[in-house]
Protein backbone atom coordinates (compact mmCIF):
# COMPACT_ATOMS: atom_id res chain seq x y z
CA MET A 1 -235.53 6.08 -75.76
CA ALA A 2 -239.09 7.38 -75.55
CA TYR A 3 -241.39 5.95 -72.93
CA GLU A 4 -244.89 6.59 -71.62
CA LYS A 5 -244.87 8.42 -68.33
CA SER A 6 -246.74 7.21 -65.27
CA ASP A 7 -249.71 9.08 -63.85
CA GLY A 8 -247.66 11.41 -61.65
CA PRO A 9 -250.59 13.20 -59.97
CA GLY A 10 -252.27 9.85 -59.30
CA GLN A 11 -249.08 8.51 -57.73
CA LYS A 12 -248.80 11.56 -55.49
CA LYS A 13 -252.41 11.12 -54.36
CA SER A 14 -251.76 7.46 -53.59
CA ARG A 15 -248.69 8.29 -51.49
CA ALA A 16 -250.56 11.09 -49.73
CA ALA A 17 -253.49 8.77 -48.98
CA ARG A 18 -251.17 6.19 -47.46
CA MET A 19 -249.45 8.72 -45.24
CA THR A 20 -252.80 10.22 -44.21
CA VAL A 21 -254.11 6.80 -43.14
CA LEU A 22 -250.89 6.04 -41.29
CA VAL A 23 -250.91 9.34 -39.42
CA LEU A 24 -254.58 8.99 -38.47
CA ILE A 25 -253.92 5.51 -37.06
CA LEU A 26 -250.90 6.87 -35.16
CA VAL A 27 -252.99 9.72 -33.74
CA PHE A 28 -255.80 7.32 -32.74
CA SER A 29 -253.35 4.95 -31.05
CA THR A 30 -251.70 7.86 -29.24
CA PHE A 31 -255.14 9.02 -28.09
CA LEU A 32 -255.97 5.56 -26.68
CA GLY A 33 -252.67 5.47 -24.80
CA PHE A 34 -253.20 8.97 -23.41
CA ILE A 35 -256.77 8.26 -22.28
CA HIS A 36 -255.61 5.04 -20.62
CA ILE A 37 -253.28 7.09 -18.40
CA TYR A 38 -255.59 10.10 -18.04
CA PRO A 39 -259.21 8.82 -18.24
CA MET A 40 -261.84 11.19 -19.57
CA GLY A 41 -265.54 10.99 -18.84
CA GLY A 42 -265.16 7.74 -16.94
CA TRP A 43 -263.79 5.89 -19.99
CA THR A 44 -260.54 4.01 -19.51
CA PRO A 45 -259.44 1.96 -22.54
CA PRO A 46 -257.44 -1.22 -21.95
CA PRO A 47 -253.62 -1.04 -21.92
CA ILE A 48 -252.08 -0.36 -25.31
CA ASP A 49 -250.84 -3.99 -25.36
CA SER A 50 -254.47 -4.98 -25.99
CA PHE A 51 -254.40 -3.11 -29.29
CA CYS A 52 -251.29 -4.81 -30.66
CA PRO A 53 -251.56 -8.04 -32.70
CA PHE A 54 -248.24 -9.26 -31.33
CA GLY A 55 -249.97 -9.64 -27.98
CA GLY A 56 -252.04 -12.42 -29.56
CA ILE A 57 -248.86 -14.25 -30.54
CA GLU A 58 -247.35 -13.80 -27.09
CA SER A 59 -250.48 -15.00 -25.32
CA ALA A 60 -251.23 -17.91 -27.66
CA PHE A 61 -249.18 -20.47 -25.70
CA SER A 62 -250.68 -19.36 -22.39
CA LEU A 63 -254.21 -19.55 -23.79
CA ILE A 64 -253.64 -22.98 -25.34
CA PHE A 65 -251.97 -24.64 -22.37
CA THR A 66 -253.60 -22.88 -19.40
CA GLY A 67 -256.79 -21.44 -20.83
CA LYS A 68 -255.80 -18.00 -19.54
CA MET A 69 -254.55 -14.90 -21.30
CA LEU A 70 -251.58 -12.90 -20.15
CA GLN A 71 -252.05 -9.80 -18.05
CA ARG A 72 -252.80 -6.70 -20.17
CA ILE A 73 -253.79 -8.89 -23.12
CA ALA A 74 -257.44 -9.02 -24.21
CA TRP A 75 -259.37 -10.68 -27.01
CA SER A 76 -258.76 -7.53 -29.03
CA SER A 77 -255.14 -8.65 -29.54
CA PHE A 78 -256.35 -11.90 -31.11
CA VAL A 79 -258.90 -10.02 -33.22
CA LEU A 80 -256.19 -7.72 -34.59
CA LEU A 81 -253.91 -10.70 -35.12
CA LEU A 82 -256.67 -12.36 -37.18
CA ALA A 83 -257.01 -9.22 -39.32
CA THR A 84 -253.23 -9.10 -39.73
CA LEU A 85 -253.13 -12.73 -40.88
CA ILE A 86 -255.96 -12.20 -43.39
CA VAL A 87 -254.06 -9.24 -44.81
CA ALA A 88 -250.79 -11.22 -44.81
CA PHE A 89 -252.25 -13.98 -46.97
CA LEU A 90 -253.36 -11.35 -49.47
CA PHE A 91 -250.79 -8.56 -49.37
CA ARG A 92 -247.92 -10.05 -47.37
CA ARG A 93 -246.58 -7.48 -44.89
CA SER A 94 -249.12 -4.78 -45.69
CA PHE A 95 -249.77 -4.43 -41.94
CA CYS A 96 -246.20 -3.17 -41.54
CA GLY A 97 -246.40 -0.76 -44.45
CA ASN A 98 -249.97 0.49 -44.22
CA ILE A 99 -251.18 0.10 -40.62
CA CYS A 100 -248.42 -0.14 -37.99
CA PRO A 101 -248.19 3.17 -36.09
CA LEU A 102 -244.67 2.50 -34.78
CA GLY A 103 -243.54 2.16 -38.39
CA THR A 104 -245.30 5.45 -39.14
CA LEU A 105 -243.44 7.19 -36.34
CA GLN A 106 -240.14 6.02 -37.79
CA GLU A 107 -241.11 7.10 -41.31
CA LEU A 108 -241.99 10.56 -40.04
CA PHE A 109 -238.57 10.83 -38.44
CA ALA A 110 -237.02 9.56 -41.68
CA ARG A 111 -238.74 12.35 -43.61
CA LEU A 112 -237.42 14.85 -41.11
CA GLY A 113 -233.95 13.33 -41.44
CA LYS A 114 -234.07 13.65 -45.22
CA LYS A 115 -234.79 17.35 -44.87
CA ILE A 116 -231.86 17.67 -42.47
CA PHE A 117 -229.30 15.52 -44.30
CA GLY A 118 -230.67 15.78 -47.83
CA LYS A 119 -230.78 11.99 -48.26
CA HIS A 120 -231.18 8.62 -46.55
CA TYR A 121 -228.18 6.54 -45.70
CA GLN A 122 -227.74 2.77 -45.81
CA VAL A 123 -225.99 0.51 -43.34
CA SER A 124 -223.11 -1.38 -44.97
CA SER A 125 -224.14 -4.82 -46.24
CA GLY A 126 -221.62 -6.52 -43.97
CA ILE A 127 -223.56 -5.23 -40.96
CA ASP A 128 -227.02 -4.89 -42.48
CA LYS A 129 -227.54 -8.48 -43.68
CA PRO A 130 -226.70 -10.32 -40.44
CA ALA A 131 -228.42 -7.62 -38.35
CA ARG A 132 -231.72 -8.30 -40.16
CA TYR A 133 -231.85 -11.72 -38.46
CA LEU A 134 -232.05 -10.08 -35.02
CA LYS A 135 -235.81 -9.63 -35.37
CA TYR A 136 -236.21 -13.40 -35.73
CA VAL A 137 -234.10 -13.89 -32.62
CA ALA A 138 -236.29 -11.36 -30.80
CA LEU A 139 -239.43 -13.20 -31.96
CA VAL A 140 -238.24 -16.62 -30.71
CA VAL A 141 -236.73 -15.33 -27.46
CA PHE A 142 -239.72 -13.25 -26.37
CA VAL A 143 -242.35 -15.83 -27.33
CA LEU A 144 -240.53 -18.65 -25.53
CA LEU A 145 -239.68 -16.58 -22.46
CA THR A 146 -243.24 -15.30 -22.25
CA TRP A 147 -244.54 -18.86 -22.42
CA ALA A 148 -242.12 -19.99 -19.71
CA ALA A 149 -242.67 -17.01 -17.40
CA GLY A 150 -246.42 -16.63 -17.93
CA THR A 151 -246.03 -12.87 -18.23
CA MET A 152 -245.22 -10.38 -20.98
CA VAL A 153 -241.45 -10.49 -20.90
CA ILE A 154 -241.15 -8.05 -23.79
CA ARG A 155 -243.01 -5.24 -22.07
CA PRO A 156 -240.07 -3.49 -20.33
CA TYR A 157 -238.17 -3.53 -23.64
CA ASP A 158 -241.05 -2.56 -25.91
CA PRO A 159 -240.57 0.90 -27.49
CA TRP A 160 -244.28 1.09 -28.34
CA VAL A 161 -245.25 0.67 -24.69
CA ALA A 162 -242.66 3.30 -23.77
CA TYR A 163 -244.09 5.70 -26.36
CA HIS A 164 -247.52 5.47 -24.77
CA HIS A 165 -246.09 6.14 -21.32
CA LEU A 166 -244.00 9.20 -22.19
CA THR A 167 -246.19 11.33 -19.91
CA SER A 168 -246.60 8.66 -17.24
CA SER A 169 -244.72 8.42 -13.98
CA ASP A 170 -244.28 4.72 -14.80
CA LEU A 171 -241.99 5.46 -17.74
CA PHE A 172 -238.62 5.09 -16.06
CA THR A 173 -239.72 2.46 -13.54
CA ASP A 174 -241.49 0.12 -15.97
CA SER A 175 -240.21 1.03 -19.44
CA ALA A 176 -236.75 2.54 -19.07
CA ILE A 177 -235.12 0.13 -21.53
CA GLY A 178 -238.07 0.43 -23.92
CA PHE A 179 -237.65 4.21 -23.81
CA ILE A 180 -233.97 3.85 -24.73
CA VAL A 181 -234.90 1.52 -27.62
CA LEU A 182 -237.54 4.03 -28.76
CA VAL A 183 -235.12 6.96 -28.68
CA LEU A 184 -232.38 5.05 -30.50
CA SER A 185 -234.87 3.79 -33.11
CA LEU A 186 -236.17 7.27 -33.84
CA ILE A 187 -232.73 8.88 -33.90
CA GLY A 188 -231.50 6.05 -36.12
CA SER A 189 -234.49 6.52 -38.43
CA LEU A 190 -233.43 10.10 -39.08
CA ALA A 191 -230.59 8.68 -41.16
CA TYR A 192 -231.51 5.06 -41.94
CA ASP A 193 -235.36 4.82 -41.90
CA ARG A 194 -237.34 2.19 -39.99
CA VAL A 195 -234.39 1.01 -37.90
CA PHE A 196 -236.54 -0.90 -35.42
CA CYS A 197 -238.63 -2.48 -38.19
CA LYS A 198 -235.60 -3.75 -40.08
CA TYR A 199 -233.57 -5.10 -37.19
CA LEU A 200 -235.54 -5.66 -34.00
CA CYS A 201 -239.31 -5.90 -34.50
CA PRO A 202 -240.56 -9.40 -33.53
CA MET A 203 -243.90 -8.78 -35.25
CA GLY A 204 -242.03 -7.98 -38.43
CA GLY A 205 -240.09 -11.21 -38.02
CA PHE A 206 -243.31 -13.17 -37.62
CA LEU A 207 -244.88 -11.68 -40.75
CA ALA A 208 -241.65 -12.17 -42.70
CA LEU A 209 -241.96 -15.90 -42.02
CA LEU A 210 -245.39 -15.84 -43.68
CA TYR A 211 -244.31 -13.65 -46.58
CA ARG A 212 -244.14 -16.40 -49.20
CA PHE A 213 -247.85 -17.23 -48.70
CA GLY A 214 -249.06 -13.77 -49.76
CA ARG A 215 -250.90 -13.64 -53.07
CA PHE A 216 -249.88 -10.18 -54.32
CA ARG A 217 -246.42 -8.72 -54.81
CA VAL A 218 -244.61 -5.95 -56.65
CA ARG A 219 -243.33 -6.89 -60.11
CA ARG A 220 -241.07 -5.10 -62.59
CA ASN A 221 -241.20 -5.01 -66.37
CA GLU A 222 -237.56 -5.26 -67.46
CA ALA A 223 -238.41 -4.25 -71.06
CA THR A 224 -239.65 -0.78 -70.06
CA CYS A 225 -237.46 -0.15 -67.00
CA ILE A 226 -235.10 2.82 -67.51
CA HIS A 227 -233.01 1.90 -64.43
CA CYS A 228 -233.41 5.31 -62.82
CA LYS A 229 -233.32 3.61 -59.40
CA LYS A 230 -236.05 5.87 -58.02
CA CYS A 231 -237.73 2.75 -56.66
CA ASP A 232 -234.59 1.85 -54.70
CA GLN A 233 -234.27 5.38 -53.36
CA VAL A 234 -237.77 5.53 -51.83
CA CYS A 235 -237.84 2.01 -50.36
CA PRO A 236 -237.97 2.44 -46.55
CA VAL A 237 -236.37 -0.98 -45.98
CA ASN A 238 -233.64 -0.65 -48.66
CA ILE A 239 -234.68 -3.40 -51.09
CA PRO A 240 -232.92 -3.27 -54.49
CA VAL A 241 -236.21 -3.24 -56.44
CA GLU A 242 -234.52 -2.22 -59.70
CA SER A 243 -232.37 -5.33 -59.92
CA GLY A 244 -235.08 -8.01 -59.87
CA VAL A 245 -238.18 -9.09 -61.75
CA ASP A 246 -240.33 -9.76 -58.67
CA VAL A 247 -239.90 -8.29 -55.21
CA THR A 248 -239.55 -11.57 -53.33
CA SER A 249 -237.67 -10.27 -50.31
CA SER A 250 -239.40 -10.97 -47.01
CA GLU A 251 -238.15 -7.54 -45.92
CA CYS A 252 -240.70 -5.87 -48.21
CA ILE A 253 -243.41 -4.16 -46.14
CA ASN A 254 -245.71 -3.73 -49.15
CA CYS A 255 -245.99 0.02 -48.78
CA ASN A 256 -245.80 0.27 -52.59
CA GLU A 257 -243.80 3.49 -52.39
CA CYS A 258 -241.62 2.08 -55.17
CA VAL A 259 -244.60 1.61 -57.49
CA ASN A 260 -245.74 5.16 -56.82
CA ALA A 261 -242.27 6.53 -57.52
CA CYS A 262 -241.71 4.78 -60.86
CA PRO A 263 -241.79 7.34 -63.73
CA VAL A 264 -242.59 4.80 -66.47
CA LYS A 265 -246.13 3.53 -66.94
CA ASP A 266 -246.73 -0.17 -66.14
CA THR A 267 -243.08 -0.80 -65.27
CA LEU A 268 -243.63 -1.41 -61.56
CA PHE A 269 -247.01 -2.77 -60.55
CA VAL A 270 -248.80 -4.87 -57.92
CA SER A 271 -249.60 -8.29 -59.36
CA GLY A 272 -251.49 -11.29 -58.04
CA PRO A 273 -252.80 -14.67 -59.21
CA LYS A 274 -253.31 -15.04 -62.97
CA ASP A 275 -251.50 -11.73 -63.51
CA THR A 276 -254.27 -9.79 -61.78
CA ARG A 277 -253.15 -6.20 -61.29
CA ILE A 278 -254.41 -3.80 -58.66
CA LYS A 279 -253.49 -0.24 -57.82
CA PRO A 280 -251.26 0.51 -54.81
CA SER A 281 -254.13 2.58 -53.39
CA SER A 282 -256.36 -0.52 -53.58
CA VAL A 283 -253.89 -2.43 -51.40
CA LEU A 284 -254.10 0.37 -48.84
CA TRP A 285 -257.91 0.58 -48.80
CA ILE A 286 -258.51 -3.17 -48.82
CA THR A 287 -256.04 -3.57 -45.94
CA LEU A 288 -257.79 -0.82 -43.98
CA VAL A 289 -261.27 -2.22 -44.69
CA ILE A 290 -260.23 -5.68 -43.50
CA PHE A 291 -259.08 -4.26 -40.16
CA VAL A 292 -262.16 -2.08 -39.76
CA VAL A 293 -264.58 -4.91 -40.61
CA VAL A 294 -262.87 -7.53 -38.43
CA ALA A 295 -262.58 -5.16 -35.47
CA GLY A 296 -266.13 -3.86 -36.06
CA VAL A 297 -267.71 -7.32 -36.13
CA ALA A 298 -265.76 -8.31 -33.01
CA SER A 299 -266.83 -5.10 -31.25
CA PHE A 300 -270.52 -5.66 -31.93
CA SER A 301 -270.27 -9.29 -30.85
CA GLY A 302 -268.51 -8.36 -27.60
CA GLY A 303 -265.14 -9.85 -28.56
CA PHE A 304 -263.33 -6.53 -28.77
CA GLU A 305 -263.31 -4.52 -25.57
CA TRP A 306 -262.80 -0.78 -25.73
CA LYS A 307 -263.14 -0.24 -21.99
CA MET A 308 -260.95 -1.70 -19.27
CA ALA A 309 -262.87 -3.82 -16.79
CA LYS A 310 -262.41 -3.13 -13.11
CA ILE A 311 -260.80 -5.89 -11.12
CA THR A 312 -264.00 -6.50 -9.12
CA LYS A 313 -265.94 -6.87 -12.38
CA GLU A 314 -263.43 -9.44 -13.63
CA VAL A 315 -263.91 -11.46 -10.44
CA ILE A 316 -267.68 -11.38 -10.86
CA GLN A 317 -267.44 -12.43 -14.51
CA SER A 318 -264.86 -15.21 -14.11
CA GLY A 319 -265.68 -16.35 -10.58
CA ALA A 320 -261.98 -16.30 -9.70
CA PHE A 321 -259.31 -13.76 -8.83
CA ASN A 322 -256.05 -13.53 -10.75
CA PRO A 323 -253.36 -11.46 -8.96
CA ASN A 324 -251.68 -10.84 -12.30
CA ALA A 325 -254.70 -8.75 -13.28
CA ILE A 326 -253.86 -6.12 -10.65
CA THR A 327 -252.84 -2.80 -12.20
CA GLY A 328 -251.58 0.45 -10.77
CA ARG A 329 -254.97 1.94 -11.54
CA ASP A 330 -256.71 -0.38 -9.06
CA THR A 331 -257.16 0.75 -5.48
CA PHE A 332 -255.89 -1.24 -2.51
CA ALA A 333 -259.51 -1.38 -1.36
CA ALA A 334 -260.64 -3.02 -4.62
CA VAL A 335 -257.79 -5.55 -4.47
CA ALA A 336 -258.58 -6.35 -0.83
CA ALA A 337 -262.25 -6.89 -1.67
CA ALA A 338 -261.45 -9.08 -4.67
CA SER A 339 -258.79 -11.15 -2.93
CA ARG A 340 -260.49 -11.19 0.51
CA ILE A 341 -257.21 -10.28 2.18
CA PRO A 342 -257.73 -8.13 5.31
CA LYS A 343 -257.22 -4.40 4.89
CA GLU A 344 -254.88 -4.30 7.86
CA LEU A 345 -252.37 -6.59 6.11
CA PHE A 346 -252.14 -4.24 3.14
CA MET A 347 -251.73 -1.19 5.36
CA LYS A 348 -249.05 -2.84 7.49
CA THR A 349 -247.10 -4.41 4.62
CA PHE A 350 -246.99 -1.35 2.39
CA LYS A 351 -247.05 1.26 5.16
CA ILE A 352 -250.03 3.12 3.75
CA SER A 353 -252.63 5.28 5.43
CA GLU A 354 -256.39 4.82 5.43
CA GLU A 355 -256.62 7.52 2.77
CA GLU A 356 -254.00 5.81 0.57
CA PHE A 357 -255.80 2.48 0.98
CA ASN A 358 -258.74 3.95 -0.93
CA LYS A 359 -256.61 5.52 -3.67
CA GLU A 360 -254.98 4.00 -6.74
CA ILE A 361 -251.98 1.78 -6.01
CA ARG A 362 -249.75 3.78 -8.33
CA GLU A 363 -250.30 6.95 -6.29
CA ALA A 364 -248.89 5.35 -3.14
CA ALA A 365 -246.19 3.50 -5.07
CA HIS A 366 -244.83 6.66 -6.66
CA LYS A 367 -244.64 8.80 -3.55
CA PRO A 368 -241.07 9.47 -2.32
CA ASN A 369 -239.48 6.49 -0.50
CA SER A 370 -242.53 4.28 -0.92
CA GLY A 371 -240.31 1.22 -1.31
CA PHE A 372 -242.73 -0.76 -3.51
CA GLU A 373 -244.18 -0.99 -7.02
CA THR A 374 -247.39 -2.48 -8.39
CA GLU A 375 -245.60 -5.76 -9.04
CA ASP A 376 -244.81 -6.00 -5.31
CA VAL A 377 -248.54 -5.79 -4.60
CA ARG A 378 -249.20 -8.62 -7.06
CA LYS A 379 -246.47 -10.72 -5.44
CA PHE A 380 -247.87 -10.05 -1.97
CA VAL A 381 -251.38 -11.07 -3.02
CA ARG A 382 -250.09 -14.25 -4.69
CA GLU A 383 -248.23 -15.24 -1.52
CA GLN A 384 -251.21 -14.52 0.72
CA MET A 385 -253.55 -16.54 -1.49
CA LYS A 386 -251.17 -19.49 -1.51
CA SER A 387 -251.02 -19.47 2.29
CA LYS A 388 -254.80 -19.61 2.66
């Protein structure tokens, strides 16, 4: 049967544009993480947690009930969460498919795996279907535990945090499990693509719960479909696109790779209210513009911080000292000044010299046989402040 072919060159450009945007975001995120560990020109960006929208979800309970945000979380997390929600109510999980750098990292490994193995594999349905619910379990568990503990419980297990600390001496002390999850996710993605996204990502679970509210989705014209299954073959989350009229699965990350792989014109397309159709590339650019505009407006209004505030500055701004705000980058001297705890107590408790007192906490903590970590300093300060 004769059929009209799709715009092949246009589809290739659309796929290339998506991957280019994804890689640029990954590179930018990697740069922020690197500069946080190794500051350049006096600029130290906030921890990478501050640039993740899931941090806004984690910190929401703390902000609502105590009026305080979790350590390492800034308003930027809420700003990015807002942008993610705006996108979700338009293009469902477009954040996952067109923005998320951890998803990009897995897709890059999947492409490498395809070159090695010649194809992508699929987990058997008996394992795959129940395993997909694990991300919802992760979402509930980490949000509730974070609320109860008042700290970011997910951080030691977070592969994205581990990725940004690959060159840090904190990697195996603070993110050992997260590093294992990262390695297993990337190795798994060589054969199965987006392993972490499909089975463990709590942010993916959150957006999947909102999926039904999105206005645009992929649709298929049964009359012109030639059942070549190319759409199924390119789907990074293994949705059987070819067997349905609409892609209604909450697993869909709205990358629109299926639309760009379809060889028949107007057989797979992105459709919205009143049968409005838009190009896959439009979904990409609108998603990107929303994030840029929301983050840009917040930056100009002072609601999106690109530079980490020193602990003494935080005390001046808030009028109070929060021990949870202590980081390994702070010096003992700065903590002593902010908390008004005598220098001698720090030196005696942590067995540090005068020189180490004026250096970053992490330097003393990571010397051989130091016997303490940054968290021990926070605990010490909390105890001393309670006893005052």
